[in-house]
Amino acid sequence: MSENESNILTIDAYIAGFPEPVQAVLQKLRQVIKEAAPEAGETIKYRMPTFTFHGNLVHFAAYEHQIGFYPDPEGIQKFATELTPYPQSKGAIRFPIDKPLPFDLIYRITKFRVEQNAARAATKRNKRLRGFD
């Protein structure tokens, strides 16, 4: 990125800091996440685009040779078989920047994370209502 990353306050500004071909991929990635999580908020956390819904949902970031997608370790575990072609760590999936991203898979992972966060929020809410919090 040419701009100082600490000055990036919006996802639009983050995406604008990349060459046009990368911008197109990042915009499509953003669109897919928004379709899977229409109620999610958008922000910048950890210097990367972040979607929130009852807490952090997913993050993404662009690098020289890859797009990092951060769906929480459980999001990776749930789709482990389908993710075998991509390098991973405990909380990150690395998609090569020069190959098409698996947008359908990203959609399904994001949808899973929405359901997961909604269930956690409901459990917390129920505990508070019953006086266990």
N, C-alpha and C. Protein backbone atom coordinates (compact mmCIF):
# COMPACT_ATOMS: atom_id res chain seq x y z
N MET A 1 0.84 -1.19 0.00
CA MET A 1 0.00 0.00 0.00
C MET A 1 0.87 1.23 0.00
N SER A 2 0.49 2.18 -0.77
CA SER A 2 1.29 3.39 -0.85
C SER A 2 0.99 4.35 0.28
N GLU A 3 -0.21 4.33 0.78
CA GLU A 3 -0.62 5.23 1.84
C GLU A 3 -0.29 4.62 3.19
N ASN A 4 -0.04 5.46 4.16
CA ASN A 4 0.23 4.99 5.51
C ASN A 4 -1.00 4.24 6.02
N GLU A 5 -0.82 2.95 6.32
CA GLU A 5 -1.95 2.11 6.71
C GLU A 5 -2.67 2.61 7.95
N SER A 6 -1.96 3.29 8.83
CA SER A 6 -2.62 3.76 10.06
C SER A 6 -3.63 4.86 9.77
N ASN A 7 -3.57 5.46 8.57
CA ASN A 7 -4.52 6.50 8.19
C ASN A 7 -5.78 5.94 7.53
N ILE A 8 -5.83 4.66 7.30
CA ILE A 8 -6.96 4.03 6.63
C ILE A 8 -8.08 3.87 7.65
N LEU A 9 -9.20 4.54 7.39
CA LEU A 9 -10.32 4.51 8.33
C LEU A 9 -11.56 3.81 7.79
N THR A 10 -11.60 3.56 6.47
CA THR A 10 -12.76 2.91 5.87
C THR A 10 -12.30 1.80 4.94
N ILE A 11 -13.22 0.89 4.66
CA ILE A 11 -12.90 -0.18 3.71
C ILE A 11 -12.69 0.41 2.31
N ASP A 12 -13.47 1.43 1.96
CA ASP A 12 -13.26 2.08 0.66
C ASP A 12 -11.84 2.61 0.54
N ALA A 13 -11.35 3.28 1.57
CA ALA A 13 -9.99 3.83 1.54
C ALA A 13 -8.96 2.70 1.49
N TYR A 14 -9.20 1.63 2.21
CA TYR A 14 -8.28 0.48 2.18
C TYR A 14 -8.16 -0.05 0.75
N ILE A 15 -9.30 -0.31 0.13
CA ILE A 15 -9.31 -0.88 -1.21
C ILE A 15 -8.67 0.06 -2.22
N ALA A 16 -8.91 1.36 -2.06
CA ALA A 16 -8.38 2.35 -3.00
C ALA A 16 -6.85 2.39 -3.00
N GLY A 17 -6.21 1.86 -1.97
CA GLY A 17 -4.76 1.87 -1.89
C GLY A 17 -4.07 0.81 -2.72
N PHE A 18 -4.82 0.01 -3.46
CA PHE A 18 -4.24 -1.08 -4.24
C PHE A 18 -4.41 -0.82 -5.73
N PRO A 19 -3.60 -1.48 -6.57
CA PRO A 19 -3.77 -1.36 -8.02
C PRO A 19 -5.16 -1.83 -8.44
N GLU A 20 -5.64 -1.31 -9.56
CA GLU A 20 -7.01 -1.59 -10.00
C GLU A 20 -7.37 -3.07 -10.08
N PRO A 21 -6.50 -3.94 -10.62
CA PRO A 21 -6.90 -5.36 -10.65
C PRO A 21 -7.15 -5.93 -9.24
N VAL A 22 -6.36 -5.53 -8.27
CA VAL A 22 -6.55 -6.00 -6.91
C VAL A 22 -7.80 -5.36 -6.31
N GLN A 23 -8.03 -4.10 -6.63
CA GLN A 23 -9.25 -3.43 -6.15
C GLN A 23 -10.49 -4.19 -6.59
N ALA A 24 -10.50 -4.65 -7.83
CA ALA A 24 -11.67 -5.37 -8.35
C ALA A 24 -11.91 -6.65 -7.54
N VAL A 25 -10.85 -7.37 -7.22
CA VAL A 25 -10.97 -8.60 -6.43
C VAL A 25 -11.47 -8.27 -5.03
N LEU A 26 -10.91 -7.23 -4.43
CA LEU A 26 -11.32 -6.85 -3.07
C LEU A 26 -12.77 -6.37 -3.03
N GLN A 27 -13.20 -5.65 -4.05
CA GLN A 27 -14.60 -5.20 -4.11
C GLN A 27 -15.54 -6.40 -4.23
N LYS A 28 -15.16 -7.37 -5.05
CA LYS A 28 -15.98 -8.57 -5.20
C LYS A 28 -16.02 -9.36 -3.88
N LEU A 29 -14.89 -9.46 -3.22
CA LEU A 29 -14.83 -10.14 -1.93
C LEU A 29 -15.74 -9.43 -0.92
N ARG A 30 -15.67 -8.13 -0.89
CA ARG A 30 -16.52 -7.34 0.01
C ARG A 30 -18.00 -7.59 -0.30
N GLN A 31 -18.34 -7.60 -1.58
CA GLN A 31 -19.73 -7.82 -2.00
C GLN A 31 -20.22 -9.19 -1.55
N VAL A 32 -19.40 -10.21 -1.73
CA VAL A 32 -19.78 -11.57 -1.33
C VAL A 32 -20.00 -11.65 0.18
N ILE A 33 -19.13 -11.03 0.94
CA ILE A 33 -19.29 -11.03 2.40
C ILE A 33 -20.58 -10.31 2.78
N LYS A 34 -20.85 -9.17 2.15
CA LYS A 34 -22.07 -8.41 2.45
C LYS A 34 -23.33 -9.21 2.09
N GLU A 35 -23.27 -9.98 1.01
CA GLU A 35 -24.41 -10.81 0.63
C GLU A 35 -24.64 -11.92 1.66
N ALA A 36 -23.56 -12.47 2.18
CA ALA A 36 -23.68 -13.54 3.19
C ALA A 36 -24.05 -12.99 4.55
N ALA A 37 -23.72 -11.74 4.80
CA ALA A 37 -23.95 -11.13 6.11
C ALA A 37 -24.52 -9.72 5.94
N PRO A 38 -25.76 -9.62 5.43
CA PRO A 38 -26.32 -8.30 5.12
C PRO A 38 -26.47 -7.38 6.33
N GLU A 39 -26.55 -7.93 7.52
CA GLU A 39 -26.71 -7.11 8.72
C GLU A 39 -25.37 -6.73 9.36
N ALA A 40 -24.28 -7.20 8.80
CA ALA A 40 -22.97 -6.95 9.38
C ALA A 40 -22.55 -5.51 9.20
N GLY A 41 -21.83 -5.02 10.18
CA GLY A 41 -21.22 -3.70 10.08
C GLY A 41 -19.86 -3.81 9.43
N GLU A 42 -19.38 -2.69 8.92
CA GLU A 42 -18.06 -2.64 8.30
C GLU A 42 -17.19 -1.67 9.08
N THR A 43 -15.96 -2.06 9.29
CA THR A 43 -15.01 -1.19 9.97
C THR A 43 -13.59 -1.62 9.60
N ILE A 44 -12.63 -0.93 10.14
CA ILE A 44 -11.24 -1.33 10.03
C ILE A 44 -10.78 -1.72 11.43
N LYS A 45 -10.28 -2.93 11.56
CA LYS A 45 -9.69 -3.41 12.82
C LYS A 45 -8.41 -4.13 12.46
N TYR A 46 -7.42 -4.00 13.30
CA TYR A 46 -6.13 -4.65 13.04
C TYR A 46 -5.57 -4.22 11.68
N ARG A 47 -5.91 -3.01 11.27
CA ARG A 47 -5.48 -2.43 9.99
C ARG A 47 -5.97 -3.22 8.78
N MET A 48 -7.13 -3.86 8.92
CA MET A 48 -7.72 -4.56 7.77
C MET A 48 -9.24 -4.46 7.81
N PRO A 49 -9.85 -4.59 6.64
CA PRO A 49 -11.32 -4.57 6.58
C PRO A 49 -11.91 -5.67 7.45
N THR A 50 -12.89 -5.27 8.25
CA THR A 50 -13.50 -6.17 9.21
C THR A 50 -15.02 -6.05 9.13
N PHE A 51 -15.68 -7.17 9.17
CA PHE A 51 -17.14 -7.20 9.22
C PHE A 51 -17.52 -7.69 10.60
N THR A 52 -18.49 -7.00 11.21
CA THR A 52 -18.89 -7.32 12.57
C THR A 52 -20.38 -7.66 12.61
N PHE A 53 -20.69 -8.64 13.43
CA PHE A 53 -22.07 -9.04 13.68
C PHE A 53 -22.04 -9.79 15.00
N HIS A 54 -22.50 -9.16 16.07
CA HIS A 54 -22.37 -9.73 17.41
C HIS A 54 -20.90 -10.07 17.68
N GLY A 55 -20.03 -9.14 17.37
CA GLY A 55 -18.59 -9.34 17.50
C GLY A 55 -17.94 -9.43 16.14
N ASN A 56 -16.65 -9.68 16.12
CA ASN A 56 -15.95 -9.82 14.85
C ASN A 56 -16.50 -11.02 14.08
N LEU A 57 -16.71 -10.81 12.80
CA LEU A 57 -17.24 -11.88 11.94
C LEU A 57 -16.12 -12.42 11.06
N VAL A 58 -15.65 -11.63 10.13
CA VAL A 58 -14.53 -11.99 9.26
C VAL A 58 -13.72 -10.73 8.96
N HIS A 59 -12.45 -10.95 8.62
CA HIS A 59 -11.55 -9.88 8.18
C HIS A 59 -10.95 -10.33 6.85
N PHE A 60 -10.44 -9.36 6.09
CA PHE A 60 -9.63 -9.72 4.93
C PHE A 60 -8.53 -8.70 4.75
N ALA A 61 -7.50 -9.08 4.02
CA ALA A 61 -6.38 -8.18 3.76
C ALA A 61 -5.70 -8.61 2.48
N ALA A 62 -5.17 -7.65 1.77
CA ALA A 62 -4.44 -7.94 0.54
C ALA A 62 -2.95 -7.76 0.80
N TYR A 63 -2.19 -8.64 0.21
CA TYR A 63 -0.73 -8.61 0.30
C TYR A 63 -0.19 -8.75 -1.12
N GLU A 64 1.11 -8.71 -1.24
CA GLU A 64 1.72 -8.74 -2.57
C GLU A 64 1.32 -9.98 -3.38
N HIS A 65 1.29 -11.13 -2.73
CA HIS A 65 1.04 -12.38 -3.46
C HIS A 65 -0.23 -13.12 -3.04
N GLN A 66 -0.98 -12.55 -2.11
CA GLN A 66 -2.14 -13.29 -1.60
C GLN A 66 -3.19 -12.35 -1.03
N ILE A 67 -4.38 -12.92 -0.88
CA ILE A 67 -5.47 -12.28 -0.14
C ILE A 67 -5.64 -13.13 1.11
N GLY A 68 -5.53 -12.50 2.26
CA GLY A 68 -5.76 -13.19 3.52
C GLY A 68 -7.23 -13.07 3.90
N PHE A 69 -7.80 -14.17 4.32
CA PHE A 69 -9.19 -14.20 4.78
C PHE A 69 -9.17 -14.80 6.17
N TYR A 70 -9.78 -14.10 7.13
CA TYR A 70 -9.69 -14.45 8.53
C TYR A 70 -11.09 -14.69 9.11
N PRO A 71 -11.56 -15.94 9.07
CA PRO A 71 -12.93 -16.23 9.51
C PRO A 71 -13.04 -16.81 10.92
N ASP A 72 -11.99 -16.76 11.72
CA ASP A 72 -11.99 -17.37 13.04
C ASP A 72 -11.58 -18.84 12.86
N PRO A 73 -10.86 -19.39 13.79
CA PRO A 73 -10.42 -20.79 13.64
C PRO A 73 -11.56 -21.78 13.39
N GLU A 74 -12.70 -21.57 14.03
CA GLU A 74 -13.82 -22.50 13.83
C GLU A 74 -14.34 -22.45 12.40
N GLY A 75 -14.29 -21.30 11.78
CA GLY A 75 -14.70 -21.18 10.38
C GLY A 75 -13.78 -21.97 9.47
N ILE A 76 -12.52 -22.02 9.81
CA ILE A 76 -11.56 -22.79 9.02
C ILE A 76 -11.76 -24.28 9.27
N GLN A 77 -11.92 -24.67 10.52
CA GLN A 77 -12.12 -26.09 10.86
C GLN A 77 -13.36 -26.66 10.19
N LYS A 78 -14.44 -25.90 10.19
CA LYS A 78 -15.71 -26.37 9.62
C LYS A 78 -15.58 -26.71 8.13
N PHE A 79 -14.74 -25.97 7.42
CA PHE A 79 -14.60 -26.15 5.97
C PHE A 79 -13.22 -26.69 5.60
N ALA A 80 -12.58 -27.40 6.53
CA ALA A 80 -11.21 -27.86 6.36
C ALA A 80 -11.00 -28.66 5.07
N THR A 81 -11.91 -29.53 4.75
CA THR A 81 -11.75 -30.37 3.55
C THR A 81 -11.71 -29.52 2.29
N GLU A 82 -12.61 -28.55 2.20
CA GLU A 82 -12.66 -27.70 1.01
C GLU A 82 -11.50 -26.71 0.95
N LEU A 83 -10.88 -26.45 2.08
CA LEU A 83 -9.79 -25.48 2.15
C LEU A 83 -8.41 -26.09 1.94
N THR A 84 -8.34 -27.41 1.75
CA THR A 84 -7.03 -28.05 1.63
C THR A 84 -6.15 -27.48 0.50
N PRO A 85 -6.70 -26.96 -0.61
CA PRO A 85 -5.81 -26.41 -1.63
C PRO A 85 -5.12 -25.10 -1.24
N TYR A 86 -5.53 -24.51 -0.13
CA TYR A 86 -5.03 -23.17 0.22
C TYR A 86 -4.19 -23.21 1.48
N PRO A 87 -3.07 -22.49 1.48
CA PRO A 87 -2.28 -22.41 2.71
C PRO A 87 -3.11 -21.78 3.82
N GLN A 88 -2.91 -22.30 5.04
CA GLN A 88 -3.71 -21.84 6.19
C GLN A 88 -2.84 -21.79 7.43
N SER A 89 -3.34 -21.05 8.38
CA SER A 89 -2.83 -21.10 9.74
C SER A 89 -4.05 -21.25 10.63
N LYS A 90 -3.88 -21.16 11.93
CA LYS A 90 -4.99 -21.35 12.84
C LYS A 90 -6.18 -20.44 12.53
N GLY A 91 -5.93 -19.18 12.17
CA GLY A 91 -7.03 -18.25 11.96
C GLY A 91 -7.07 -17.61 10.58
N ALA A 92 -6.23 -18.07 9.66
CA ALA A 92 -6.13 -17.41 8.35
C ALA A 92 -6.11 -18.41 7.20
N ILE A 93 -6.69 -17.96 6.11
CA ILE A 93 -6.63 -18.70 4.85
C ILE A 93 -5.95 -17.75 3.86
N ARG A 94 -5.01 -18.27 3.10
CA ARG A 94 -4.30 -17.44 2.13
C ARG A 94 -4.66 -17.88 0.71
N PHE A 95 -5.32 -16.98 0.00
CA PHE A 95 -5.70 -17.25 -1.39
C PHE A 95 -4.69 -16.56 -2.30
N PRO A 96 -4.10 -17.29 -3.25
CA PRO A 96 -3.15 -16.65 -4.18
C PRO A 96 -3.85 -15.50 -4.93
N ILE A 97 -3.17 -14.38 -5.01
CA ILE A 97 -3.76 -13.19 -5.62
C ILE A 97 -3.90 -13.33 -7.13
N ASP A 98 -3.11 -14.24 -7.73
CA ASP A 98 -3.13 -14.38 -9.18
C ASP A 98 -4.07 -15.50 -9.66
N LYS A 99 -4.89 -16.04 -8.75
CA LYS A 99 -5.87 -17.07 -9.11
C LYS A 99 -7.24 -16.63 -8.64
N PRO A 100 -8.29 -17.12 -9.29
CA PRO A 100 -9.65 -16.73 -8.85
C PRO A 100 -9.92 -17.17 -7.41
N LEU A 101 -10.53 -16.30 -6.66
CA LEU A 101 -10.92 -16.63 -5.29
C LEU A 101 -12.15 -17.53 -5.31
N PRO A 102 -12.26 -18.46 -4.36
CA PRO A 102 -13.43 -19.34 -4.29
C PRO A 102 -14.59 -18.61 -3.59
N PHE A 103 -15.24 -17.71 -4.33
CA PHE A 103 -16.25 -16.84 -3.73
C PHE A 103 -17.41 -17.61 -3.11
N ASP A 104 -17.80 -18.73 -3.71
CA ASP A 104 -18.88 -19.53 -3.15
C ASP A 104 -18.48 -20.07 -1.77
N LEU A 105 -17.27 -20.53 -1.66
CA LEU A 105 -16.76 -21.03 -0.38
C LEU A 105 -16.67 -19.91 0.65
N ILE A 106 -16.19 -18.76 0.24
CA ILE A 106 -16.10 -17.60 1.13
C ILE A 106 -17.49 -17.21 1.62
N TYR A 107 -18.47 -17.25 0.72
CA TYR A 107 -19.86 -16.96 1.09
C TYR A 107 -20.33 -17.93 2.18
N ARG A 108 -20.10 -19.22 1.96
CA ARG A 108 -20.57 -20.23 2.91
C ARG A 108 -19.85 -20.13 4.26
N ILE A 109 -18.56 -19.83 4.23
CA ILE A 109 -17.83 -19.65 5.49
C ILE A 109 -18.38 -18.45 6.25
N THR A 110 -18.62 -17.36 5.54
CA THR A 110 -19.16 -16.16 6.18
C THR A 110 -20.54 -16.44 6.75
N LYS A 111 -21.38 -17.13 5.99
CA LYS A 111 -22.72 -17.49 6.46
C LYS A 111 -22.63 -18.33 7.74
N PHE A 112 -21.71 -19.27 7.78
CA PHE A 112 -21.48 -20.09 8.97
C PHE A 112 -21.11 -19.20 10.16
N ARG A 113 -20.23 -18.23 9.92
CA ARG A 113 -19.80 -17.33 11.00
C ARG A 113 -20.96 -16.48 11.49
N VAL A 114 -21.86 -16.06 10.59
CA VAL A 114 -23.05 -15.31 11.00
C VAL A 114 -23.89 -16.16 11.95
N GLU A 115 -24.15 -17.39 11.55
CA GLU A 115 -24.94 -18.30 12.38
C GLU A 115 -24.26 -18.55 13.72
N GLN A 116 -22.96 -18.72 13.70
CA GLN A 116 -22.19 -18.97 14.91
C GLN A 116 -22.28 -17.77 15.87
N ASN A 117 -22.06 -16.57 15.35
CA ASN A 117 -22.11 -15.38 16.21
C ASN A 117 -23.53 -15.12 16.72
N ALA A 118 -24.52 -15.35 15.87
CA ALA A 118 -25.92 -15.16 16.30
C ALA A 118 -26.26 -16.13 17.43
N ALA A 119 -25.83 -17.37 17.32
CA ALA A 119 -26.11 -18.37 18.35
C ALA A 119 -25.42 -18.00 19.66
N ARG A 120 -24.18 -17.53 19.58
CA ARG A 120 -23.47 -17.11 20.79
C ARG A 120 -24.18 -15.93 21.45
N ALA A 121 -24.61 -14.98 20.64
CA ALA A 121 -25.32 -13.81 21.18
C ALA A 121 -26.62 -14.23 21.84
N ALA A 122 -27.34 -15.16 21.23
CA ALA A 122 -28.61 -15.63 21.81
C ALA A 122 -28.36 -16.35 23.13
N THR A 123 -27.31 -17.14 23.21
CA THR A 123 -26.97 -17.83 24.46
C THR A 123 -26.66 -16.83 25.56
N LYS A 124 -25.86 -15.83 25.24
CA LYS A 124 -25.53 -14.79 26.23
C LYS A 124 -26.79 -14.05 26.67
N ARG A 125 -27.65 -13.73 25.73
CA ARG A 125 -28.90 -13.02 26.04
C ARG A 125 -29.77 -13.87 26.95
N ASN A 126 -29.88 -15.16 26.65
CA ASN A 126 -30.70 -16.06 27.48
C ASN A 126 -30.13 -16.18 28.89
N LYS A 127 -28.82 -16.24 29.01
CA LYS A 127 -28.21 -16.31 30.34
C LYS A 127 -28.51 -15.05 31.14
N ARG A 128 -28.43 -13.90 30.50
CA ARG A 128 -28.74 -12.65 31.20
C ARG A 128 -30.19 -12.61 31.64
N LEU A 129 -31.09 -13.06 30.77
CA LEU A 129 -32.50 -13.06 31.11
C LEU A 129 -32.80 -13.98 32.29
N ARG A 130 -32.05 -15.05 32.39
CA ARG A 130 -32.26 -16.00 33.50
C ARG A 130 -31.45 -15.63 34.74
N GLY A 131 -30.69 -14.55 34.64
CA GLY A 131 -29.92 -14.07 35.79
C GLY A 131 -28.61 -14.79 36.02
N PHE A 132 -28.05 -15.42 34.98
CA PHE A 132 -26.79 -16.14 35.13
C PHE A 132 -25.58 -15.32 34.71
N ASP A 133 -25.78 -14.09 34.37
CA ASP A 133 -24.66 -13.28 33.90
C ASP A 133 -24.11 -12.40 34.98
